[in-house]
PDB file of N, CA and C in Angstrom:
ATOM      1  N   UNK A   1       0.830  -1.168   0.000  1.00  0.00           N
ATOM      2  CA  UNK A   1       0.000   0.000   0.000  1.00  0.00           C
ATOM      3  C   UNK A   1       0.875   1.232   0.000  1.00  0.00           C
ATOM      4  N   UNK A   2       0.858   1.989  -1.056  1.00  0.00           N
ATOM      5  CA  UNK A   2       1.690   3.173  -1.171  1.00  0.00           C
ATOM      6  C   UNK A   2       1.062   4.404  -0.562  1.00  0.00           C
ATOM      7  N   UNK A   3       1.852   5.459  -0.479  1.00  0.00           N
ATOM      8  CA  UNK A   3       1.353   6.712   0.057  1.00  0.00           C
ATOM      9  C   UNK A   3       0.642   7.476  -1.051  1.00  0.00           C
ATOM     10  N   UNK A   4      -0.518   8.018  -0.732  1.00  0.00           N
ATOM     11  CA  UNK A   4      -1.256   8.789  -1.716  1.00  0.00           C
ATOM     12  C   UNK A   4      -0.669  10.182  -1.778  1.00  0.00           C
ATOM     13  N   UNK A   5      -0.214  10.604  -2.921  1.00  0.00           N
ATOM     14  CA  UNK A   5       0.435  11.903  -3.079  1.00  0.00           C
ATOM     15  C   UNK A   5      -0.369  12.791  -4.025  1.00  0.00           C
ATOM     16  N   UNK A   6      -1.595  13.009  -3.675  1.00  0.00           N
ATOM     17  CA  UNK A   6      -2.430  13.869  -4.497  1.00  0.00           C
ATOM     18  C   UNK A   6      -2.751  15.159  -3.764  1.00  0.00           C
ATOM     19  N   UNK A   7      -3.487  16.012  -4.406  1.00  0.00           N
ATOM     20  CA  UNK A   7      -3.898  17.279  -3.802  1.00  0.00           C
ATOM     21  C   UNK A   7      -4.813  16.947  -2.636  1.00  0.00           C
ATOM     22  N   UNK A   8      -4.765  17.564  -1.508  1.00  0.00           N
ATOM     23  CA  UNK A   8      -3.913  18.660  -1.052  1.00  0.00           C
ATOM     24  C   UNK A   8      -2.635  18.185  -0.396  1.00  0.00           C
ATOM     25  N   UNK A   9      -2.381  16.873  -0.390  1.00  0.00           N
ATOM     26  CA  UNK A   9      -1.253  16.324   0.350  1.00  0.00           C
ATOM     27  C   UNK A   9       0.095  16.581  -0.315  1.00  0.00           C
ATOM     28  N   UNK A  10       0.143  16.817  -1.581  1.00  0.00           N
ATOM     29  CA  UNK A  10       1.438  16.974  -2.244  1.00  0.00           C
ATOM     30  C   UNK A  10       2.151  18.245  -1.799  1.00  0.00           C
ATOM     31  N   UNK A  11       1.413  19.214  -1.280  1.00  0.00           N
ATOM     32  CA  UNK A  11       2.031  20.465  -0.856  1.00  0.00           C
ATOM     33  C   UNK A  11       2.474  20.433   0.605  1.00  0.00           C
ATOM     34  N   UNK A  12       2.117  19.398   1.336  1.00  0.00           N
ATOM     35  CA  UNK A  12       2.504  19.319   2.739  1.00  0.00           C
ATOM     36  C   UNK A  12       3.990  18.995   2.857  1.00  0.00           C
ATOM     37  N   UNK A  13       4.701  19.643   3.779  1.00  0.00           N
ATOM     38  CA  UNK A  13       6.136  19.362   3.935  1.00  0.00           C
ATOM     39  C   UNK A  13       6.382  17.951   4.442  1.00  0.00           C
ATOM     40  N   UNK A  14       7.484  17.373   4.020  1.00  0.00           N
ATOM     41  CA  UNK A  14       7.858  16.017   4.406  1.00  0.00           C
ATOM     42  C   UNK A  14       8.936  16.047   5.481  1.00  0.00           C
ATOM     43  N   UNK A  15       9.091  14.930   6.157  1.00  0.00           N
ATOM     44  CA  UNK A  15      10.025  14.823   7.283  1.00  0.00           C
ATOM     45  C   UNK A  15      11.464  15.019   6.839  1.00  0.00           C
ATOM     46  N   UNK A  16      11.954  14.221   5.953  1.00  0.00           N
ATOM     47  CA  UNK A  16      13.311  14.366   5.454  1.00  0.00           C
ATOM     48  C   UNK A  16      14.391  13.726   6.302  1.00  0.00           C
ATOM     49  N   UNK A  17      14.030  12.997   7.355  1.00  0.00           N
ATOM     50  CA  UNK A  17      15.043  12.313   8.162  1.00  0.00           C
ATOM     51  C   UNK A  17      15.667  11.200   7.329  1.00  0.00           C
ATOM     52  N   UNK A  18      16.931  10.919   7.589  1.00  0.00           N
ATOM     53  CA  UNK A  18      17.651   9.903   6.833  1.00  0.00           C
ATOM     54  C   UNK A  18      17.208   8.506   7.266  1.00  0.00           C
ATOM     55  N   UNK A  19      16.888   7.654   6.296  1.00  0.00           N
ATOM     56  CA  UNK A  19      16.489   6.292   6.593  1.00  0.00           C
ATOM     57  C   UNK A  19      17.698   5.367   6.562  1.00  0.00           C
ATOM     58  N   UNK A  20      17.507   4.125   6.950  1.00  0.00           N
ATOM     59  CA  UNK A  20      18.616   3.157   6.943  1.00  0.00           C
ATOM     60  C   UNK A  20      19.144   2.909   5.541  1.00  0.00           C
ATOM     61  N   UNK A  21      18.255   3.000   4.573  1.00  0.00           N
ATOM     62  CA  UNK A  21      18.678   2.766   3.192  1.00  0.00           C
ATOM     63  C   UNK A  21      19.341   3.997   2.574  1.00  0.00           C
ATOM     64  N   UNK A  22      19.367   5.102   3.292  1.00  0.00           N
ATOM     65  CA  UNK A  22      20.030   6.303   2.803  1.00  0.00           C
ATOM     66  C   UNK A  22      19.092   7.329   2.206  1.00  0.00           C
ATOM     67  N   UNK A  23      17.837   6.962   2.000  1.00  0.00           N
ATOM     68  CA  UNK A  23      16.868   7.899   1.449  1.00  0.00           C
ATOM     69  C   UNK A  23      16.304   8.810   2.525  1.00  0.00           C
ATOM     70  N   UNK A  24      15.250   9.525   2.165  1.00  0.00           N
ATOM     71  CA  UNK A  24      14.605  10.412   3.123  1.00  0.00           C
ATOM     72  C   UNK A  24      13.266   9.844   3.541  1.00  0.00           C
ATOM     73  N   UNK A  25      12.899  10.089   4.788  1.00  0.00           N
ATOM     74  CA  UNK A  25      11.606   9.662   5.299  1.00  0.00           C
ATOM     75  C   UNK A  25      10.530  10.459   4.559  1.00  0.00           C
ATOM     76  N   UNK A  26       9.484   9.799   4.146  1.00  0.00           N
ATOM     77  CA  UNK A  26       8.453  10.459   3.365  1.00  0.00           C
ATOM     78  C   UNK A  26       7.205  10.827   4.135  1.00  0.00           C
ATOM     79  N   UNK A  27       7.194  10.639   5.454  1.00  0.00           N
ATOM     80  CA  UNK A  27       6.010  10.968   6.235  1.00  0.00           C
ATOM     81  C   UNK A  27       5.834  12.485   6.297  1.00  0.00           C
ATOM     82  N   UNK A  28       4.611  12.899   6.566  1.00  0.00           N
ATOM     83  CA  UNK A  28       4.321  14.322   6.671  1.00  0.00           C
ATOM     84  C   UNK A  28       4.905  14.868   7.952  1.00  0.00           C
ATOM     85  N   UNK A  29       5.468  16.067   7.869  1.00  0.00           N
ATOM     86  CA  UNK A  29       6.155  16.617   9.034  1.00  0.00           C
ATOM     87  C   UNK A  29       5.222  17.440   9.911  1.00  0.00           C
ATOM     88  N   UNK A  30       5.632  17.562  11.160  1.00  0.00           N
ATOM     89  CA  UNK A  30       4.935  18.406  12.126  1.00  0.00           C
ATOM     90  C   UNK A  30       5.568  19.792  12.060  1.00  0.00           C
ATOM     91  N   UNK A  31       5.091  20.732  12.884  1.00  0.00           N
ATOM     92  CA  UNK A  31       5.677  22.080  12.848  1.00  0.00           C
ATOM     93  C   UNK A  31       7.183  22.123  13.129  1.00  0.00           C
ATOM     94  N   UNK A  32       7.724  21.112  13.820  1.00  0.00           N
ATOM     95  CA  UNK A  32       9.163  21.113  14.106  1.00  0.00           C
ATOM     96  C   UNK A  32       9.995  20.595  12.938  1.00  0.00           C
ATOM     97  N   UNK A  33       9.356  20.161  11.862  1.00  0.00           N
ATOM     98  CA  UNK A  33      10.078  19.735  10.674  1.00  0.00           C
ATOM     99  C   UNK A  33      10.311  18.243  10.554  1.00  0.00           C
ATOM    100  N   UNK A  34       9.918  17.475  11.561  1.00  0.00           N
ATOM    101  CA  UNK A  34      10.090  16.027  11.533  1.00  0.00           C
ATOM    102  C   UNK A  34       8.731  15.354  11.717  1.00  0.00           C
ATOM    103  N   UNK A  35       8.655  14.095  11.308  1.00  0.00           N
ATOM    104  CA  UNK A  35       7.401  13.365  11.465  1.00  0.00           C
ATOM    105  C   UNK A  35       7.255  12.871  12.899  1.00  0.00           C
ATOM    106  N   UNK A  36       6.152  12.218  13.185  1.00  0.00           N
ATOM    107  CA  UNK A  36       5.908  11.752  14.546  1.00  0.00           C
ATOM    108  C   UNK A  36       6.874  10.660  14.968  1.00  0.00           C
ATOM    109  N   UNK A  37       7.496   9.986  14.017  1.00  0.00           N
ATOM    110  CA  UNK A  37       8.452   8.928  14.337  1.00  0.00           C
ATOM    111  C   UNK A  37       9.853   9.472  14.600  1.00  0.00           C
ATOM    112  N   UNK A  38      10.208  10.593  13.980  1.00  0.00           N
ATOM    113  CA  UNK A  38      11.570  11.114  14.068  1.00  0.00           C
ATOM    114  C   UNK A  38      11.691  12.395  14.872  1.00  0.00           C
ATOM    115  N   UNK A  39      10.656  12.852  15.499  1.00  0.00           N
ATOM    116  CA  UNK A  39      10.782  14.066  16.284  1.00  0.00           C
ATOM    117  C   UNK A  39       9.528  14.406  17.037  1.00  0.00           C
ATOM    118  N   UNK A  40       8.789  13.393  17.388  1.00  0.00           N
ATOM    119  CA  UNK A  40       7.539  13.616  18.096  1.00  0.00           C
ATOM    120  C   UNK A  40       7.742  13.778  19.587  1.00  0.00           C
ATOM    121  N   UNK A  41       6.647  13.695  20.309  1.00  0.00           N
ATOM    122  CA  UNK A  41       6.695  13.844  21.752  1.00  0.00           C
ATOM    123  C   UNK A  41       7.412  12.650  22.387  1.00  0.00           C
ATOM    124  N   UNK A  42       7.909  12.868  23.581  1.00  0.00           N
ATOM    125  CA  UNK A  42       8.609  11.819  24.319  1.00  0.00           C
ATOM    126  C   UNK A  42       7.637  10.714  24.703  1.00  0.00           C
ATOM    127  N   UNK A  43       8.127   9.482  24.720  1.00  0.00           N
ATOM    128  CA  UNK A  43       7.267   8.349  25.063  1.00  0.00           C
ATOM    129  C   UNK A  43       7.565   7.775  26.430  1.00  0.00           C
ATOM    130  N   UNK A  44       8.502   8.354  27.144  1.00  0.00           N
ATOM    131  CA  UNK A  44       8.830   7.767  28.431  1.00  0.00           C
ATOM    132  C   UNK A  44       9.418   8.761  29.406  1.00  0.00           C
ATOM    133  N   UNK A  45       9.806   8.261  30.546  1.00  0.00           N
ATOM    134  CA  UNK A  45      10.370   9.089  31.591  1.00  0.00           C
ATOM    135  C   UNK A  45      11.764   9.567  31.205  1.00  0.00           C
ATOM    136  N   UNK A  46      12.146  10.718  31.720  1.00  0.00           N
ATOM    137  CA  UNK A  46      13.481  11.248  31.461  1.00  0.00           C
ATOM    138  C   UNK A  46      14.543  10.440  32.201  1.00  0.00           C
ATOM    139  N   UNK A  47      14.177   9.915  33.362  1.00  0.00           N
ATOM    140  CA  UNK A  47      15.106   9.123  34.161  1.00  0.00           C
ATOM    141  C   UNK A  47      14.675   7.657  34.088  1.00  0.00           C
ATOM    142  N   UNK A  48      15.393   6.808  33.346  1.00  0.00           N
ATOM    143  CA  UNK A  48      14.946   5.425  33.175  1.00  0.00           C
ATOM    144  C   UNK A  48      14.954   4.604  34.459  1.00  0.00           C
ATOM    145  N   UNK A  49      15.686   5.053  35.488  1.00  0.00           N
ATOM    146  CA  UNK A  49      15.701   4.303  36.740  1.00  0.00           C
ATOM    147  C   UNK A  49      14.349   4.358  37.433  1.00  0.00           C
ATOM    148  N   UNK A  50      13.573   5.392  37.183  1.00  0.00           N
ATOM    149  CA  UNK A  50      12.297   5.562  37.849  1.00  0.00           C
ATOM    150  C   UNK A  50      11.178   4.911  37.049  1.00  0.00           C
ATOM    151  N   UNK A  51      11.472   4.445  35.865  1.00  0.00           N
ATOM    152  CA  UNK A  51      10.460   3.923  34.960  1.00  0.00           C
ATOM    153  C   UNK A  51       9.635   2.806  35.598  1.00  0.00           C
ATOM    154  N   UNK A  52      10.288   1.879  36.275  1.00  0.00           N
ATOM    155  CA  UNK A  52       9.570   0.755  36.847  1.00  0.00           C
ATOM    156  C   UNK A  52       9.355   0.909  38.344  1.00  0.00           C
ATOM    157  N   UNK A  53       9.933   1.919  38.977  1.00  0.00           N
ATOM    158  CA  UNK A  53       9.700   2.177  40.382  1.00  0.00           C
ATOM    159  C   UNK A  53      10.552   1.382  41.340  1.00  0.00           C
ATOM    160  N   UNK A  54      11.521   0.619  40.856  1.00  0.00           N
ATOM    161  CA  UNK A  54      12.333  -0.226  41.727  1.00  0.00           C
ATOM    162  C   UNK A  54      13.232   0.612  42.641  1.00  0.00           C
ATOM    163  N   UNK A  55      13.687   1.767  42.176  1.00  0.00           N
ATOM    164  CA  UNK A  55      14.623   2.585  42.939  1.00  0.00           C
ATOM    165  C   UNK A  55      13.975   3.797  43.597  1.00  0.00           C
ATOM    166  N   UNK A  56      12.666   3.830  43.707  1.00  0.00           N
ATOM    167  CA  UNK A  56      12.030   4.936  44.401  1.00  0.00           C
ATOM    168  C   UNK A  56      12.272   4.787  45.898  1.00  0.00           C
ATOM    169  N   UNK A  57      12.203   5.896  46.620  1.00  0.00           N
ATOM    170  CA  UNK A  57      12.454   5.860  48.060  1.00  0.00           C
ATOM    171  C   UNK A  57      11.467   4.935  48.773  1.00  0.00           C
ATOM    172  N   UNK A  58      10.233   4.963  48.316  1.00  0.00           N
ATOM    173  CA  UNK A  58       9.207   4.140  48.945  1.00  0.00           C
ATOM    174  C   UNK A  58       9.489   2.648  48.783  1.00  0.00           C
ATOM    175  N   UNK A  59       9.861   2.219  47.583  1.00  0.00           N
ATOM    176  CA  UNK A  59      10.107   0.791  47.373  1.00  0.00           C
ATOM    177  C   UNK A  59      11.385   0.339  48.075  1.00  0.00           C
ATOM    178  N   UNK A  60      12.401   1.195  48.147  1.00  0.00           N
ATOM    179  CA  UNK A  60      13.621   0.853  48.887  1.00  0.00           C
ATOM    180  C   UNK A  60      13.285   0.669  50.365  1.00  0.00           C
ATOM    181  N   UNK A  61      12.458   1.576  50.909  1.00  0.00           N
ATOM    182  CA  UNK A  61      12.050   1.478  52.306  1.00  0.00           C
ATOM    183  C   UNK A  61      11.323   0.159  52.573  1.00  0.00           C
ATOM    184  N   UNK A  62      10.384  -0.200  51.708  1.00  0.00           N
ATOM    185  CA  UNK A  62       9.623  -1.427  51.918  1.00  0.00           C
ATOM    186  C   UNK A  62      10.484  -2.672  51.767  1.00  0.00           C
ATOM    187  N   UNK A  63      11.453  -2.660  50.854  1.00  0.00           N
ATOM    188  CA  UNK A  63      12.349  -3.818  50.729  1.00  0.00           C
ATOM    189  C   UNK A  63      13.188  -3.989  51.991  1.00  0.00           C
ATOM    190  N   UNK A  64      13.670  -2.875  52.552  1.00  0.00           N
ATOM    191  CA  UNK A  64      14.449  -2.963  53.794  1.00  0.00           C
ATOM    192  C   UNK A  64      13.583  -3.463  54.944  1.00  0.00           C
ATOM    193  N   UNK A  65      12.339  -2.996  54.969  1.00  0.00           N
ATOM    194  CA  UNK A  65      11.415  -3.426  56.014  1.00  0.00           C
ATOM    195  C   UNK A  65      11.138  -4.929  55.916  1.00  0.00           C
ATOM    196  N   UNK A  66      10.916  -5.428  54.719  1.00  0.00           N
ATOM    197  CA  UNK A  66      10.679  -6.865  54.515  1.00  0.00           C
ATOM    198  C   UNK A  66      11.921  -7.665  54.904  1.00  0.00           C
ATOM    199  N   UNK A  67      13.102  -7.184  54.532  1.00  0.00           N
ATOM    200  CA  UNK A  67      14.336  -7.878  54.925  1.00  0.00           C
ATOM    201  C   UNK A  67      14.467  -7.955  56.446  1.00  0.00           C
ATOM    202  N   UNK A  68      14.105  -6.860  57.116  1.00  0.00           N
ATOM    203  CA  UNK A  68      14.193  -6.841  58.573  1.00  0.00           C
ATOM    204  C   UNK A  68      13.205  -7.849  59.182  1.00  0.00           C
ATOM    205  N   UNK A  69      11.996  -7.887  58.664  1.00  0.00           N
ATOM    206  CA  UNK A  69      10.979  -8.817  59.185  1.00  0.00           C
ATOM    207  C   UNK A  69      11.399 -10.264  58.943  1.00  0.00           C
ATOM    208  N   UNK A  70      11.941 -10.547  57.780  1.00  0.00           N
ATOM    209  CA  UNK A  70      12.397 -11.906  57.472  1.00  0.00           C
ATOM    210  C   UNK A  70      13.546 -12.297  58.401  1.00  0.00           C
ATOM    211  N   UNK A  71      14.468 -11.378  58.646  1.00  0.00           N
ATOM    212  CA  UNK A  71      15.583 -11.670  59.548  1.00  0.00           C
ATOM    213  C   UNK A  71      15.121 -11.945  60.963  1.00  0.00           C
ATOM    214  N   UNK A  72      14.181 -11.122  61.451  1.00  0.00           N
ATOM    215  CA  UNK A  72      13.660 -11.325  62.808  1.00  0.00           C
ATOM    216  C   UNK A  72      12.893 -12.650  62.914  1.00  0.00           C
ATOM    217  N   UNK A  73      12.137 -12.995  61.883  1.00  0.00           N
ATOM    218  CA  UNK A  73      11.398 -14.260  61.934  1.00  0.00           C
ATOM    219  C   UNK A  73      12.354 -15.457  61.888  1.00  0.00           C
ATOM    220  N   UNK A  74      13.457 -15.331  61.187  1.00  0.00           N
ATOM    221  CA  UNK A  74      14.445 -16.411  61.154  1.00  0.00           C
ATOM    222  C   UNK A  74      15.060 -16.594  62.539  1.00  0.00           C
ATOM    223  N   UNK A  75      15.327 -15.478  63.239  1.00  0.00           N
ATOM    224  CA  UNK A  75      15.859 -15.571  64.601  1.00  0.00           C
ATOM    225  C   UNK A  75      14.846 -16.240  65.537  1.00  0.00           C
ATOM    226  N   UNK A  76      13.568 -15.888  65.378  1.00  0.00           N
ATOM    227  CA  UNK A  76      12.535 -16.501  66.212  1.00  0.00           C
ATOM    228  C   UNK A  76      12.429 -18.002  65.952  1.00  0.00           C
ATOM    229  N   UNK A  77      12.557 -18.412  64.709  1.00  0.00           N
ATOM    230  CA  UNK A  77      12.514 -19.842  64.402  1.00  0.00           C
ATOM    231  C   UNK A  77      13.682 -20.582  65.034  1.00  0.00           C
ATOM    232  N   UNK A  78      14.849 -19.959  65.042  1.00  0.00           N
ATOM    233  CA  UNK A  78      16.018 -20.582  65.680  1.00  0.00           C
ATOM    234  C   UNK A  78      15.769 -20.716  67.174  1.00  0.00           C
ATOM    235  N   UNK A  79      15.200 -19.664  67.788  1.00  0.00           N
ATOM    236  CA  UNK A  79      14.907 -19.727  69.229  1.00  0.00           C
ATOM    237  C   UNK A  79      13.880 -20.817  69.535  1.00  0.00           C
ATOM    238  N   UNK A  80      12.875 -20.965  68.682  1.00  0.00           N
ATOM    239  CA  UNK A  80      11.861 -22.001  68.899  1.00  0.00           C
ATOM    240  C   UNK A  80      12.466 -23.395  68.774  1.00  0.00           C
ATOM    241  N   UNK A  81      13.375 -23.583  67.812  1.00  0.00           N
ATOM    242  CA  UNK A  81      14.033 -24.886  67.654  1.00  0.00           C
ATOM    243  C   UNK A  81      14.900 -25.212  68.864  1.00  0.00           C
ATOM    244  N   UNK A  82      15.537 -24.195  69.473  1.00  0.00           N
ATOM    245  CA  UNK A  82      16.389 -24.434  70.632  1.00  0.00           C
ATOM    246  C   UNK A  82      15.549 -24.832  71.840  1.00  0.00           C
ATOM    247  N   UNK A  83      14.330 -24.296  71.955  1.00  0.00           N
ATOM    248  CA  UNK A  83      13.468 -24.614  73.084  1.00  0.00           C
ATOM    249  C   UNK A  83      12.883 -26.019  72.983  1.00  0.00           C
ATOM    250  N   UNK A  84      12.735 -26.548  71.787  1.00  0.00           N
ATOM    251  CA  UNK A  84      12.125 -27.873  71.656  1.00  0.00           C
ATOM    252  C   UNK A  84      13.101 -28.993  71.825  1.00  0.00           C
TER     253      UNK A  84
END
């Protein structure tokens, strides 16, 4: 399926970004001069570490809390085994 290049579309500016084959991208450009694939809005967070939330202060706090609870329960199990 080819791109339709008839009126009024033939007068619309094209992206012009370089493709892998060396040609120019033929998509219609936005006001910034590039198409939505080569110069559109951002699709993700600026800081990739925060993307999944693993390194947020809240999740670090909860992981430390779980580690502490697991450690204390392991100590309690050892104490229970010594009493029996």
